[in-house]
N, C-alpha and C. Protein backbone atom coordinates (compact mmCIF):
# COMPACT_ATOMS: atom_id res chain seq x y z
N MET A 1 2.11 19.46 43.31
CA MET A 1 2.43 18.26 42.72
C MET A 1 3.63 17.44 43.41
N ASP A 2 3.28 16.38 43.73
CA ASP A 2 4.32 15.40 44.22
C ASP A 2 5.21 14.78 43.32
N ILE A 3 6.15 14.25 43.69
CA ILE A 3 7.36 13.56 42.88
C ILE A 3 6.69 12.29 41.97
N GLY A 4 5.79 11.69 43.06
CA GLY A 4 4.98 10.37 42.46
C GLY A 4 4.20 10.82 41.05
N SER A 5 3.32 11.63 41.34
CA SER A 5 2.50 12.27 40.16
C SER A 5 3.08 12.87 39.05
N PHE A 6 4.35 13.32 39.30
CA PHE A 6 5.21 13.68 38.14
C PHE A 6 5.54 12.86 37.48
N PHE A 7 6.14 11.74 37.94
CA PHE A 7 6.68 10.49 37.23
C PHE A 7 5.40 9.54 36.52
N PHE A 8 4.42 9.56 37.08
CA PHE A 8 3.23 9.06 36.34
C PHE A 8 2.85 9.88 35.36
N LEU A 9 2.91 11.08 35.49
CA LEU A 9 2.49 11.76 34.19
C LEU A 9 3.36 11.58 32.94
N ILE A 10 4.78 11.44 33.31
CA ILE A 10 5.97 11.31 32.47
C ILE A 10 5.44 10.01 31.69
N LEU A 11 5.28 8.76 32.71
CA LEU A 11 4.91 7.68 32.16
C LEU A 11 3.75 7.60 31.24
N VAL A 12 2.66 8.35 31.53
CA VAL A 12 1.66 8.27 30.63
C VAL A 12 1.91 8.99 29.20
N ILE A 13 2.73 10.08 29.36
CA ILE A 13 3.06 10.60 28.13
C ILE A 13 3.86 9.49 27.20
N GLY A 14 4.97 9.04 27.77
CA GLY A 14 5.82 8.09 27.20
C GLY A 14 4.95 6.96 26.53
N ALA A 15 4.20 6.37 27.21
CA ALA A 15 3.25 5.61 26.68
C ALA A 15 2.19 5.84 25.57
N PHE A 16 1.93 7.15 25.62
CA PHE A 16 0.98 7.74 24.49
C PHE A 16 1.98 7.99 23.22
N TYR A 17 3.16 8.03 23.39
CA TYR A 17 3.99 8.35 22.60
C TYR A 17 4.28 7.06 21.65
N TYR A 18 4.63 6.02 22.38
CA TYR A 18 5.15 4.70 21.87
C TYR A 18 3.98 4.14 21.36
N LEU A 19 2.61 4.08 22.10
CA LEU A 19 1.40 3.44 21.41
C LEU A 19 0.88 4.03 20.30
N LEU A 20 0.91 5.28 20.19
CA LEU A 20 -0.13 6.04 19.27
C LEU A 20 0.63 6.89 18.12
N LEU A 21 1.76 7.68 18.61
CA LEU A 21 2.62 8.39 17.70
C LEU A 21 3.64 7.64 16.86
N ARG A 22 4.54 6.83 17.68
CA ARG A 22 5.62 5.99 16.89
C ARG A 22 5.00 5.34 15.80
N PRO A 23 4.00 4.48 15.89
CA PRO A 23 3.42 3.52 14.81
C PRO A 23 3.11 4.44 13.74
N GLN A 24 2.38 5.60 13.98
CA GLN A 24 1.92 6.42 12.91
C GLN A 24 3.37 6.93 12.13
N GLN A 25 4.18 7.25 12.64
CA GLN A 25 5.50 7.84 12.16
C GLN A 25 6.01 6.87 11.19
N LYS A 26 6.20 5.42 11.55
CA LYS A 26 6.49 4.39 10.86
C LYS A 26 5.70 4.14 9.64
N ARG A 27 4.53 4.18 9.85
CA ARG A 27 3.51 3.77 8.54
C ARG A 27 3.76 5.14 7.54
N GLU A 28 4.09 6.47 7.97
CA GLU A 28 4.16 7.49 7.08
C GLU A 28 5.66 7.22 6.51
N LYS A 29 6.56 6.86 7.01
CA LYS A 29 7.82 6.79 6.52
C LYS A 29 8.00 5.78 5.43
N ALA A 30 7.18 4.50 5.68
CA ALA A 30 6.92 3.43 4.87
C ALA A 30 6.12 3.86 3.69
N ARG A 31 5.21 4.79 3.70
CA ARG A 31 4.49 5.35 2.58
C ARG A 31 5.27 6.25 1.77
N ARG A 32 6.15 7.03 2.33
CA ARG A 32 7.01 8.01 1.71
C ARG A 32 8.01 7.28 0.76
N GLU A 33 8.38 6.06 1.43
CA GLU A 33 9.33 5.22 0.65
C GLU A 33 8.75 4.60 -0.47
N LEU A 34 7.58 4.10 -0.44
CA LEU A 34 6.68 3.65 -1.44
C LEU A 34 6.52 4.62 -2.55
N VAL A 35 6.30 5.62 -2.28
CA VAL A 35 5.90 6.71 -3.46
C VAL A 35 7.38 6.95 -4.10
N ARG A 36 8.40 7.20 -3.26
CA ARG A 36 9.83 7.63 -3.78
C ARG A 36 10.06 6.38 -4.53
N SER A 37 9.73 5.24 -4.41
CA SER A 37 10.28 3.82 -5.13
C SER A 37 9.43 3.39 -6.50
N LEU A 38 8.48 4.31 -6.82
CA LEU A 38 7.73 4.15 -7.79
C LEU A 38 8.54 3.85 -9.05
N GLN A 39 8.13 2.89 -9.99
CA GLN A 39 8.79 2.71 -11.25
C GLN A 39 7.90 2.41 -12.46
N VAL A 40 8.23 2.72 -13.56
CA VAL A 40 7.47 2.35 -14.71
C VAL A 40 7.29 0.68 -14.70
N GLY A 41 6.06 0.34 -14.88
CA GLY A 41 5.64 -1.17 -15.01
C GLY A 41 5.24 -1.62 -13.62
N ASP A 42 5.18 -0.81 -12.57
CA ASP A 42 4.62 -1.20 -11.10
C ASP A 42 3.05 -1.08 -11.31
N GLU A 43 2.44 -1.93 -10.84
CA GLU A 43 1.09 -2.09 -10.70
C GLU A 43 0.74 -1.55 -9.43
N VAL A 44 -0.07 -0.54 -9.34
CA VAL A 44 -0.64 0.28 -7.98
C VAL A 44 -1.94 0.30 -8.15
N VAL A 45 -2.35 0.71 -6.93
CA VAL A 45 -3.88 0.99 -6.38
C VAL A 45 -3.85 2.33 -5.82
N THR A 46 -4.73 3.23 -6.08
CA THR A 46 -4.77 4.55 -5.72
C THR A 46 -5.65 4.86 -4.44
N ASN A 47 -5.69 5.69 -3.45
CA ASN A 47 -6.41 6.18 -2.65
C ASN A 47 -7.97 6.05 -3.10
N ALA A 48 -8.47 6.35 -4.34
CA ALA A 48 -9.64 6.25 -4.88
C ALA A 48 -10.05 4.75 -4.98
N GLY A 49 -8.86 3.92 -5.01
CA GLY A 49 -9.24 2.40 -5.42
C GLY A 49 -9.04 2.10 -6.95
N ILE A 50 -8.54 3.00 -7.63
CA ILE A 50 -8.24 2.81 -9.08
C ILE A 50 -7.14 2.01 -9.27
N HIS A 51 -7.01 1.09 -10.01
CA HIS A 51 -5.79 -0.07 -10.24
C HIS A 51 -5.33 0.57 -11.52
N GLY A 52 -3.88 0.38 -11.64
CA GLY A 52 -3.31 0.95 -12.81
C GLY A 52 -1.78 0.35 -12.93
N VAL A 53 -1.22 0.81 -14.02
CA VAL A 53 0.13 0.19 -14.15
C VAL A 53 0.77 1.63 -14.46
N VAL A 54 1.75 1.84 -13.95
CA VAL A 54 2.81 3.06 -14.19
C VAL A 54 3.36 3.13 -15.28
N VAL A 55 3.02 4.24 -16.30
CA VAL A 55 3.75 4.40 -17.58
C VAL A 55 4.83 5.48 -17.51
N GLU A 56 4.68 6.17 -16.55
CA GLU A 56 5.59 7.42 -16.54
C GLU A 56 5.77 7.79 -15.18
N VAL A 57 6.86 8.39 -14.68
CA VAL A 57 7.05 9.15 -13.48
C VAL A 57 7.81 10.31 -13.51
N GLU A 58 7.03 11.33 -12.90
CA GLU A 58 7.73 12.54 -12.94
C GLU A 58 7.94 13.12 -11.39
N GLU A 59 8.43 14.21 -11.15
CA GLU A 59 8.76 14.40 -9.94
C GLU A 59 7.71 14.50 -8.89
N ALA A 60 6.40 15.09 -9.30
CA ALA A 60 5.45 15.06 -8.20
C ALA A 60 4.07 14.42 -9.01
N VAL A 61 4.16 13.84 -10.14
CA VAL A 61 3.26 13.34 -10.83
C VAL A 61 3.51 11.97 -11.26
N VAL A 62 2.44 10.97 -11.43
CA VAL A 62 2.60 9.67 -11.88
C VAL A 62 1.60 9.42 -13.08
N TRP A 63 1.99 8.94 -14.21
CA TRP A 63 0.80 8.41 -14.87
C TRP A 63 0.64 7.19 -14.93
N LEU A 64 -0.70 6.68 -14.83
CA LEU A 64 -1.16 5.41 -14.89
C LEU A 64 -2.03 4.95 -16.13
N GLU A 65 -1.74 3.72 -16.58
CA GLU A 65 -2.48 3.24 -17.54
C GLU A 65 -3.63 2.37 -16.93
N VAL A 66 -4.82 2.79 -17.06
CA VAL A 66 -5.93 1.99 -16.53
C VAL A 66 -6.78 0.88 -17.45
N ALA A 67 -6.42 1.20 -18.55
CA ALA A 67 -7.22 0.20 -19.63
C ALA A 67 -6.22 0.66 -20.98
N PRO A 68 -6.43 -0.10 -22.10
CA PRO A 68 -5.55 0.18 -23.06
C PRO A 68 -6.01 1.45 -23.70
N ASP A 69 -5.04 2.39 -23.94
CA ASP A 69 -5.09 3.60 -24.38
C ASP A 69 -5.64 4.57 -23.58
N VAL A 70 -5.68 4.35 -22.04
CA VAL A 70 -6.60 5.18 -21.11
C VAL A 70 -5.57 5.55 -20.12
N GLU A 71 -5.07 6.82 -20.00
CA GLU A 71 -3.86 7.11 -19.00
C GLU A 71 -4.50 8.01 -18.17
N LEU A 72 -4.16 8.23 -16.85
CA LEU A 72 -4.50 9.14 -15.94
C LEU A 72 -3.47 9.78 -15.38
N LYS A 73 -3.37 10.88 -15.06
CA LYS A 73 -2.35 11.83 -14.53
C LYS A 73 -2.72 12.01 -13.10
N LEU A 74 -2.07 11.51 -11.97
CA LEU A 74 -2.36 11.69 -10.81
C LEU A 74 -0.98 12.12 -10.01
N SER A 75 -1.36 12.80 -8.84
CA SER A 75 -0.39 13.04 -7.80
C SER A 75 0.32 11.95 -7.35
N ARG A 76 1.71 11.82 -7.17
CA ARG A 76 2.12 10.70 -6.53
C ARG A 76 1.71 10.38 -5.42
N ASP A 77 1.16 11.44 -4.32
CA ASP A 77 0.84 11.11 -3.15
C ASP A 77 -0.65 10.35 -3.13
N SER A 78 -1.31 10.42 -4.19
CA SER A 78 -2.41 9.68 -4.43
C SER A 78 -2.28 8.18 -4.42
N VAL A 79 -0.86 7.71 -4.69
CA VAL A 79 -0.67 6.15 -4.63
C VAL A 79 -0.79 5.74 -3.24
N ALA A 80 -1.60 4.74 -3.01
CA ALA A 80 -1.99 3.98 -1.83
C ALA A 80 -0.96 2.91 -1.72
N GLY A 81 -0.71 2.10 -2.59
CA GLY A 81 0.28 0.99 -2.56
C GLY A 81 0.31 0.23 -3.88
N LYS A 82 1.42 -0.79 -3.65
CA LYS A 82 1.72 -1.51 -4.92
C LYS A 82 0.66 -2.72 -4.81
N VAL A 83 0.29 -3.24 -5.76
CA VAL A 83 -0.42 -4.58 -5.84
C VAL A 83 0.47 -5.71 -6.04
N ALA A 84 0.33 -6.47 -4.94
CA ALA A 84 1.23 -7.70 -4.73
C ALA A 84 1.04 -8.74 -5.79
N GLU A 85 1.91 -9.64 -6.58
CA GLU A 85 1.68 -10.19 -7.23
C GLU A 85 1.47 -11.72 -6.45
N PRO A 86 0.45 -12.40 -6.99
CA PRO A 86 0.14 -13.75 -6.21
C PRO A 86 1.28 -14.58 -6.37
N ALA A 87 1.64 -15.57 -5.34
CA ALA A 87 2.69 -16.53 -5.39
C ALA A 87 2.27 -17.47 -6.47
N ASP A 88 3.26 -18.06 -6.89
CA ASP A 88 3.14 -19.16 -7.85
C ASP A 88 2.32 -20.32 -7.63
N ASP A 89 2.51 -20.96 -6.32
CA ASP A 89 1.65 -21.97 -5.65
C ASP A 89 0.39 -21.39 -5.47
N VAL A 90 -0.04 -20.30 -5.11
CA VAL A 90 -1.51 -19.84 -4.87
C VAL A 90 -2.03 -19.87 -6.40
N ALA A 91 -1.50 -19.46 -7.42
CA ALA A 91 -1.83 -19.24 -8.76
C ALA A 91 -2.29 -20.56 -9.39
N GLU A 92 -1.25 -21.56 -8.97
CA GLU A 92 -1.54 -22.91 -9.57
C GLU A 92 -2.66 -23.60 -8.98
N ALA A 93 -2.78 -23.34 -7.47
CA ALA A 93 -3.85 -23.76 -6.79
C ALA A 93 -5.17 -23.40 -7.27
N ASP A 94 -5.23 -22.03 -7.57
CA ASP A 94 -6.67 -21.64 -8.41
C ASP A 94 -6.70 -22.12 -9.67
N ASP A 95 -5.67 -22.51 -10.29
CA ASP A 95 -6.04 -23.02 -11.79
C ASP A 95 -6.28 -24.49 -11.55
N GLU A 96 -5.97 -25.20 -10.67
CA GLU A 96 -6.23 -26.57 -10.56
C GLU A 96 -7.68 -26.49 -9.83
N ALA A 97 -8.18 -25.72 -9.14
CA ALA A 97 -9.50 -25.50 -8.68
C ALA A 97 -10.31 -25.34 -9.73
N ALA A 98 -10.09 -24.32 -10.43
CA ALA A 98 -11.03 -23.94 -11.86
C ALA A 98 -11.13 -25.21 -12.63
N ASP A 99 -9.94 -26.00 -12.84
CA ASP A 99 -9.99 -27.19 -13.77
C ASP A 99 -10.89 -28.41 -13.28
N ASP A 100 -10.95 -28.44 -11.82
CA ASP A 100 -11.63 -29.44 -11.17
C ASP A 100 -13.19 -29.19 -11.25
N SER A 101 -13.59 -27.72 -11.20
CA SER A 101 -14.96 -27.29 -11.25
C SER A 101 -15.39 -27.55 -12.76
N ALA A 102 -14.58 -27.28 -13.52
CA ALA A 102 -15.06 -27.33 -14.98
C ALA A 102 -15.23 -28.94 -15.54
N ASP A 103 -14.33 -29.87 -14.75
CA ASP A 103 -14.52 -31.19 -14.95
C ASP A 103 -15.78 -31.76 -14.48
N ASP A 104 -16.28 -31.17 -13.11
CA ASP A 104 -17.45 -31.52 -12.32
C ASP A 104 -18.51 -31.12 -13.22
N GLU A 105 -18.79 -30.01 -14.08
CA GLU A 105 -19.79 -29.48 -14.67
C GLU A 105 -19.87 -30.46 -15.96
N SER A 106 -19.19 -31.02 -16.48
CA SER A 106 -19.01 -31.82 -17.86
C SER A 106 -19.92 -33.02 -17.46
């Protein structure tokens, strides 16, 4: 193997690392931080698509209220993400659109 082939191999390995492995490591770090930062009152969605509000946080378990008086005990790792609150201007635009459609029907 000559020196040019060796450098090409090193270049390919470096590109593989930065294009595939590094972004995955960043995503995993962000997910671990999300799970670590869960607090009572956070609205979350699980890997199974269940939406709920955190009512209790333990070391490895989180309790979600998914309906009035219905709580689920889940592993903290099953939380996929927090549900983002809609921006005020988006919510107002939706309200105005609903009012306009109600006026059109009258």
